[in-house]
Amino acid sequence: MADTHDLQEFLLFAIALAKEAGKMIKDATETRMSGTGNQFLAKYDNPTDLVTETDQAVEKFIKNRLSVTYPTHRFIGEETMAEGVETVFTDEPTWIVDPIDGTTNFVHGHPFVAVSIGLTIGKEPVVGVVYCPLMNELYSAAKGQGAFLNESIRLPLFQPTPPPLGDLSQCIVSTEAGSDRSPEVIDKKMEMIHTILRQKQNNGKQAHSIRCTGSAAINLCTVAKGVVDVYWEVGCWEWDVAAAIVIVREAGGIVVTGSHQPDPSPVNIFSRKYLAIRGAQDEKSQLDIAQQMWDIIPEINASRKPVPGGFEP
């Protein structure tokens, strides 16, 4: 494990890199809004999973900068994997990057768009930066050093003590439809949302409401902020969450499995199933909320092999 000084160096580098990448995204957005540039296409012939020229350009920029600065470090990126490069995950320092989390938002000009830069050492996420250039929000954290908004506002926003966590009925829950719209996946997700919202007398949890930003990284950062209580998603990827997991944890939250099988241990970032609970006074209350979610989460397949229209079962 790197020492505190090393983590701070990596964090500052990632912040500077995210700002540069964010400028590329902002410039591309302005170009796109003017009606020129930025062709986009569907990945794997899936019309709900998009990639743009900017995704590819930003990842190439980040990867090149990392390879020059830290030539011995490994790299895992969304567009690199999409090109067929095999993912190799070891104990070595590994940067896990999503050049644009919220590509569909980007295509439509919706501002919930982020560049996500995470670092793992010993297979543990230890540095995370999520920058939302269209909203000028930069979330950052390194293990043991706290989480911050725009480098100066400590997270969660509720200081010094976050509100208590009681029952799921008192929570705002964040989730997403995801890109896999096969009936066996989307129907279960919609039923899960119904259960979260339905009245208790009708076998529901009657949570306060549901929120969707269109970005896993931003959803997790709202949990780190403390303005969303719970985030659950099945089907996103390690580059969507690696950076933000550090931010949530350093803000006092927990990130565990989003599977139907309860497990209070830290989530496997490659599992594609994530459940985050915001900071609270004690871990027991966080796990109580997690258990209430596990009680209703359906069994949903999340294969790691993409195929046209979804993922291989």
Protein backbone atom coordinates (compact mmCIF):
# COMPACT_ATOMS: atom_id res chain seq x y z
CA MET A 1 0.00 0.00 0.00
CA ALA A 2 1.25 3.49 -0.84
CA ASP A 3 1.88 5.85 2.06
CA THR A 4 -0.10 9.02 2.72
CA HIS A 5 2.36 11.18 0.79
CA ASP A 6 2.09 8.97 -2.29
CA LEU A 7 -1.71 8.96 -2.16
CA GLN A 8 -1.76 12.74 -1.92
CA GLU A 9 0.52 12.96 -4.95
CA PHE A 10 -1.73 10.60 -6.93
CA LEU A 11 -4.82 12.52 -5.83
CA LEU A 12 -3.47 15.91 -6.88
CA PHE A 13 -2.39 14.47 -10.21
CA ALA A 14 -5.84 12.93 -10.78
CA ILE A 15 -7.56 16.22 -9.90
CA ALA A 16 -5.45 18.15 -12.40
CA LEU A 17 -5.99 15.47 -15.04
CA ALA A 18 -9.76 15.44 -14.47
CA LYS A 19 -9.90 19.22 -14.88
CA GLU A 20 -8.09 19.00 -18.22
CA ALA A 21 -10.36 16.19 -19.38
CA GLY A 22 -13.36 18.16 -18.15
CA LYS A 23 -12.38 21.10 -20.33
CA MET A 24 -12.35 18.76 -23.33
CA ILE A 25 -15.87 17.61 -22.44
CA LYS A 26 -17.10 21.17 -21.92
CA ASP A 27 -15.60 22.35 -25.20
CA ALA A 28 -17.13 19.37 -27.02
CA THR A 29 -20.51 20.11 -25.45
CA GLU A 30 -20.40 23.69 -26.68
CA THR A 31 -19.46 22.45 -30.14
CA ARG A 32 -22.24 19.89 -30.09
CA MET A 33 -24.81 22.45 -28.97
CA SER A 34 -23.79 24.60 -31.94
CA GLY A 35 -24.84 21.72 -34.19
CA THR A 36 -21.41 20.54 -35.32
CA GLY A 37 -19.06 17.72 -34.40
CA ASN A 38 -19.34 14.71 -32.10
CA GLN A 39 -20.65 11.78 -34.04
CA PHE A 40 -22.04 9.04 -31.83
CA LEU A 41 -22.95 5.41 -32.27
CA ALA A 42 -24.41 2.51 -30.30
CA LYS A 43 -22.03 0.05 -28.67
CA TYR A 44 -22.52 -3.60 -29.53
CA ASP A 45 -25.54 -2.55 -31.66
CA ASN A 46 -27.36 -1.60 -28.43
CA PRO A 47 -29.23 1.70 -29.05
CA THR A 48 -29.32 2.53 -25.33
CA ASP A 49 -25.52 2.22 -24.85
CA LEU A 50 -23.84 5.08 -26.69
CA VAL A 51 -20.26 6.16 -27.36
CA THR A 52 -19.08 9.43 -28.88
CA GLU A 53 -15.89 10.74 -30.43
CA THR A 54 -15.36 12.69 -27.22
CA ASP A 55 -15.47 9.53 -25.05
CA GLN A 56 -12.70 8.06 -27.17
CA ALA A 57 -10.63 11.26 -27.33
CA VAL A 58 -10.84 11.90 -23.59
CA GLU A 59 -9.86 8.34 -22.69
CA LYS A 60 -6.92 8.45 -25.10
CA PHE A 61 -5.79 11.75 -23.55
CA ILE A 62 -6.03 10.39 -19.99
CA LYS A 63 -4.35 7.09 -20.86
CA ASN A 64 -1.46 8.83 -22.60
CA ARG A 65 -0.91 11.25 -19.72
CA LEU A 66 -0.94 8.40 -17.20
CA SER A 67 1.48 6.29 -19.23
CA VAL A 68 3.97 9.16 -19.36
CA THR A 69 3.66 10.11 -15.69
CA TYR A 70 3.37 6.61 -14.20
CA PRO A 71 4.75 4.20 -16.81
CA THR A 72 4.68 1.19 -14.47
CA HIS A 73 1.02 1.63 -13.53
CA ARG A 74 -1.74 -0.38 -15.19
CA PHE A 75 -4.82 1.02 -16.90
CA ILE A 76 -8.43 -0.12 -17.28
CA GLY A 77 -10.75 2.08 -19.33
CA GLU A 78 -14.25 1.81 -20.73
CA GLU A 79 -13.33 2.55 -24.34
CA THR A 80 -10.17 0.44 -24.14
CA MET A 81 -12.26 -2.57 -23.13
CA ALA A 82 -14.80 -1.76 -25.84
CA GLU A 83 -11.97 -2.11 -28.36
CA GLY A 84 -11.41 -5.67 -27.17
CA VAL A 85 -8.43 -5.16 -24.85
CA GLU A 86 -8.51 -7.81 -22.13
CA THR A 87 -9.00 -6.52 -18.60
CA VAL A 88 -6.15 -7.57 -16.30
CA PHE A 89 -6.54 -6.64 -12.63
CA THR A 90 -3.61 -7.17 -10.27
CA ASP A 91 -2.24 -5.80 -6.99
CA GLU A 92 -0.21 -3.27 -8.98
CA PRO A 93 -1.36 0.38 -9.04
CA THR A 94 -4.19 0.44 -11.57
CA TRP A 95 -6.02 3.48 -12.90
CA ILE A 96 -9.67 2.76 -13.71
CA VAL A 97 -11.21 5.43 -15.91
CA ASP A 98 -14.54 6.38 -17.43
CA PRO A 99 -13.90 9.31 -19.79
CA ILE A 100 -17.58 10.29 -19.86
CA ASP A 101 -19.94 8.74 -17.35
CA GLY A 102 -23.35 9.80 -18.57
CA THR A 103 -22.72 9.61 -22.31
CA THR A 104 -26.45 9.59 -23.08
CA ASN A 105 -26.77 12.81 -21.06
CA PHE A 106 -23.83 14.24 -23.02
CA VAL A 107 -25.47 13.36 -26.32
CA HIS A 108 -28.68 15.14 -25.26
CA GLY A 109 -26.96 18.14 -23.69
CA HIS A 110 -28.09 17.16 -20.19
CA PRO A 111 -25.54 18.44 -17.62
CA PHE A 112 -25.14 15.30 -15.48
CA VAL A 113 -21.90 14.26 -17.16
CA ALA A 114 -18.66 13.32 -15.41
CA VAL A 115 -15.12 12.16 -15.98
CA SER A 116 -14.25 9.46 -13.43
CA ILE A 117 -10.64 8.66 -12.50
CA GLY A 118 -9.98 6.02 -9.85
CA LEU A 119 -6.82 4.33 -8.60
CA THR A 120 -6.57 0.92 -6.96
CA ILE A 121 -3.55 -0.44 -5.11
CA GLY A 122 -3.57 -4.00 -3.84
CA LYS A 123 -6.95 -4.28 -5.64
CA GLU A 124 -8.43 -1.71 -3.25
CA PRO A 125 -9.82 1.64 -4.47
CA VAL A 126 -7.68 4.28 -2.75
CA VAL A 127 -7.97 7.47 -4.85
CA GLY A 128 -11.04 8.81 -6.60
CA VAL A 129 -11.87 11.93 -8.59
CA VAL A 130 -15.23 12.59 -10.24
CA TYR A 131 -15.48 15.88 -12.10
CA CYS A 132 -18.73 17.24 -13.54
CA PRO A 133 -17.51 20.04 -15.82
CA LEU A 134 -20.94 21.27 -16.93
CA MET A 135 -21.91 21.86 -13.29
CA ASN A 136 -18.44 22.79 -12.03
CA GLU A 137 -18.54 20.13 -9.31
CA LEU A 138 -15.38 18.24 -8.50
CA TYR A 139 -15.52 15.38 -5.99
CA SER A 140 -12.25 13.97 -4.68
CA ALA A 141 -10.94 11.61 -2.02
CA ALA A 142 -7.95 9.54 -1.01
CA LYS A 143 -8.01 6.74 1.54
CA GLY A 144 -7.74 8.11 5.07
CA GLN A 145 -7.79 11.74 3.93
CA GLY A 146 -11.50 12.53 3.71
CA ALA A 147 -13.76 13.43 0.81
CA PHE A 148 -14.29 16.90 -0.61
CA LEU A 149 -16.42 18.91 -3.02
CA ASN A 150 -14.42 21.41 -5.06
CA GLU A 151 -11.36 20.62 -2.93
CA SER A 152 -12.52 22.68 0.07
CA ILE A 153 -15.99 21.57 1.19
CA ARG A 154 -15.80 18.47 3.34
CA LEU A 155 -18.30 15.71 2.67
CA PRO A 156 -20.92 14.85 3.68
CA LEU A 157 -22.49 18.29 3.54
CA PHE A 158 -24.19 17.65 6.89
CA GLN A 159 -21.48 18.51 9.40
CA PRO A 160 -20.45 17.62 11.99
CA THR A 161 -23.03 14.81 12.20
CA PRO A 162 -25.18 13.42 9.37
CA PRO A 163 -28.89 12.86 10.09
CA PRO A 164 -29.68 9.41 11.52
CA LEU A 165 -30.73 6.56 9.25
CA GLY A 166 -33.96 4.96 10.35
CA ASP A 167 -36.19 3.12 7.94
CA LEU A 168 -36.14 2.80 4.15
CA SER A 169 -39.47 4.64 4.16
CA GLN A 170 -37.54 7.76 5.24
CA CYS A 171 -35.00 7.53 2.40
CA ILE A 172 -34.46 8.88 -1.08
CA VAL A 173 -33.18 6.03 -3.27
CA SER A 174 -31.16 6.52 -6.44
CA THR A 175 -31.08 3.97 -9.26
CA GLU A 176 -31.02 3.72 -13.07
CA ALA A 177 -32.77 1.81 -15.83
CA GLY A 178 -29.40 0.81 -17.29
CA SER A 179 -28.56 -0.14 -20.86
CA ASP A 180 -29.78 -3.75 -20.73
CA ARG A 181 -33.45 -3.55 -21.69
CA SER A 182 -34.04 -7.28 -22.07
CA PRO A 183 -37.33 -8.26 -20.38
CA GLU A 184 -35.65 -10.48 -17.78
CA VAL A 185 -33.61 -7.46 -16.59
CA ILE A 186 -35.72 -4.34 -17.11
CA ASP A 187 -38.93 -5.94 -15.79
CA LYS A 188 -37.22 -6.92 -12.55
CA LYS A 189 -35.74 -3.45 -12.15
CA MET A 190 -39.10 -1.80 -12.67
CA GLU A 191 -40.74 -4.13 -10.16
CA MET A 192 -37.96 -3.28 -7.70
CA ILE A 193 -38.74 0.42 -8.14
CA HIS A 194 -42.43 -0.29 -7.60
CA THR A 195 -41.61 -2.15 -4.37
CA ILE A 196 -39.41 0.69 -3.12
CA LEU A 197 -42.20 3.23 -3.72
CA ARG A 198 -45.37 1.22 -3.06
CA GLN A 199 -47.34 1.75 0.15
CA LYS A 200 -46.40 -0.49 3.06
CA GLN A 201 -49.92 -1.86 3.31
CA ASN A 202 -49.43 -3.09 -0.26
CA ASN A 203 -46.14 -4.86 0.50
CA GLY A 204 -43.96 -1.92 -0.45
CA LYS A 205 -41.28 0.07 1.38
CA GLN A 206 -42.86 3.48 0.67
CA ALA A 207 -39.55 5.34 0.35
CA HIS A 208 -39.71 9.10 -0.03
CA SER A 209 -38.82 9.02 -3.72
CA ILE A 210 -36.54 7.78 -6.52
CA ARG A 211 -33.78 9.80 -8.19
CA CYS A 212 -31.90 9.09 -11.45
CA THR A 213 -29.06 11.26 -12.76
CA GLY A 214 -28.00 9.04 -15.66
CA SER A 215 -24.50 8.62 -14.20
CA ALA A 216 -23.42 5.98 -11.69
CA ALA A 217 -20.48 8.13 -10.58
CA ILE A 218 -22.69 11.16 -9.93
CA ASN A 219 -25.31 9.01 -8.18
CA LEU A 220 -22.62 7.75 -5.81
CA CYS A 221 -21.38 11.29 -5.23
CA THR A 222 -24.88 12.37 -4.18
CA VAL A 223 -24.68 9.61 -1.56
CA ALA A 224 -21.28 10.96 -0.48
CA LYS A 225 -22.84 14.41 -0.20
CA GLY A 226 -25.57 12.98 2.00
CA VAL A 227 -28.39 14.34 -0.15
CA VAL A 228 -29.35 10.84 -1.31
CA ASP A 229 -29.60 8.05 1.24
CA VAL A 230 -29.30 4.89 -0.88
CA TYR A 231 -27.98 4.03 -4.32
CA TRP A 232 -28.65 0.65 -5.95
CA GLU A 233 -27.69 -0.45 -9.42
CA VAL A 234 -27.11 -3.66 -11.31
CA GLY A 235 -25.36 -3.57 -14.69
CA CYS A 236 -22.87 -0.73 -14.51
CA TRP A 237 -19.12 -1.32 -14.62
CA GLU A 238 -15.98 -0.88 -12.52
CA TRP A 239 -14.98 2.33 -14.35
CA ASP A 240 -18.38 3.80 -13.45
CA VAL A 241 -17.87 3.27 -9.72
CA ALA A 242 -14.18 2.82 -8.79
CA ALA A 243 -13.46 6.50 -8.17
CA ALA A 244 -16.78 7.30 -6.51
CA ILE A 245 -16.52 4.33 -4.13
CA VAL A 246 -13.50 6.00 -2.52
CA ILE A 247 -15.44 9.25 -2.23
CA VAL A 248 -18.44 7.55 -0.59
CA ARG A 249 -16.28 5.66 1.89
CA GLU A 250 -14.26 8.74 2.85
CA ALA A 251 -17.55 10.57 3.41
CA GLY A 252 -18.55 7.92 5.95
CA GLY A 253 -20.71 5.82 3.66
CA ILE A 254 -20.53 2.14 2.81
CA VAL A 255 -20.62 0.37 -0.55
CA VAL A 256 -21.63 -3.30 -0.45
CA THR A 257 -23.08 -5.80 -2.89
CA GLY A 258 -26.18 -4.85 -4.84
CA SER A 259 -26.98 -8.53 -5.30
CA HIS A 260 -30.01 -10.29 -3.84
CA GLN A 261 -27.61 -12.21 -1.57
CA PRO A 262 -26.66 -10.15 1.52
CA ASP A 263 -22.96 -9.52 2.16
CA PRO A 264 -21.79 -6.70 4.47
CA SER A 265 -18.17 -6.82 3.26
CA PRO A 266 -16.81 -4.14 0.89
CA VAL A 267 -18.16 -4.63 -2.63
CA ASN A 268 -16.18 -6.38 -5.34
CA ILE A 269 -15.75 -3.53 -7.81
CA PHE A 270 -15.98 -5.97 -10.73
CA SER A 271 -19.30 -7.46 -9.59
CA ARG A 272 -21.50 -5.04 -11.56
CA LYS A 273 -23.90 -4.97 -8.59
CA TYR A 274 -23.61 -2.07 -6.15
CA LEU A 275 -25.43 -0.80 -3.08
CA ALA A 276 -24.28 2.39 -1.34
CA ILE A 277 -25.59 3.84 1.92
CA ARG A 278 -24.74 7.37 2.99
CA GLY A 279 -22.81 8.31 6.10
CA ALA A 280 -24.58 7.96 9.44
CA GLN A 281 -23.76 7.91 13.13
CA ASP A 282 -23.12 4.19 13.17
CA GLU A 283 -22.51 1.33 10.74
CA LYS A 284 -25.33 -0.73 12.25
CA SER A 285 -27.94 1.72 10.98
CA GLN A 286 -26.30 1.66 7.53
CA LEU A 287 -26.40 -2.13 7.44
CA ASP A 288 -30.03 -2.07 8.65
CA ILE A 289 -30.93 -0.03 5.57
CA ALA A 290 -28.82 -2.33 3.40
CA GLN A 291 -30.68 -5.33 4.79
CA GLN A 292 -34.02 -3.72 3.97
CA MET A 293 -32.78 -3.37 0.39
CA TRP A 294 -31.40 -6.93 0.25
CA ASP A 295 -34.82 -8.17 1.39
CA ILE A 296 -36.39 -6.92 -1.85
CA ILE A 297 -33.57 -6.98 -4.45
CA PRO A 298 -34.44 -9.53 -7.17
CA GLU A 299 -31.95 -11.91 -8.74
CA ILE A 300 -30.70 -10.15 -11.87
CA ASN A 301 -28.02 -11.43 -14.20
CA ALA A 302 -25.15 -9.06 -14.98
CA SER A 303 -22.78 -10.86 -17.31
CA ARG A 304 -19.42 -9.29 -18.05
CA LYS A 305 -19.62 -10.12 -21.77
CA PRO A 306 -21.57 -7.58 -23.88
CA VAL A 307 -23.60 -8.81 -26.82
CA PRO A 308 -26.05 -6.99 -29.13
CA GLY A 309 -29.04 -5.73 -27.20
CA GLY A 310 -27.67 -6.50 -23.74
CA PHE A 311 -25.29 -8.92 -22.06
CA GLU A 312 -24.57 -12.58 -22.42
CA PRO A 313 -26.56 -14.62 -19.88
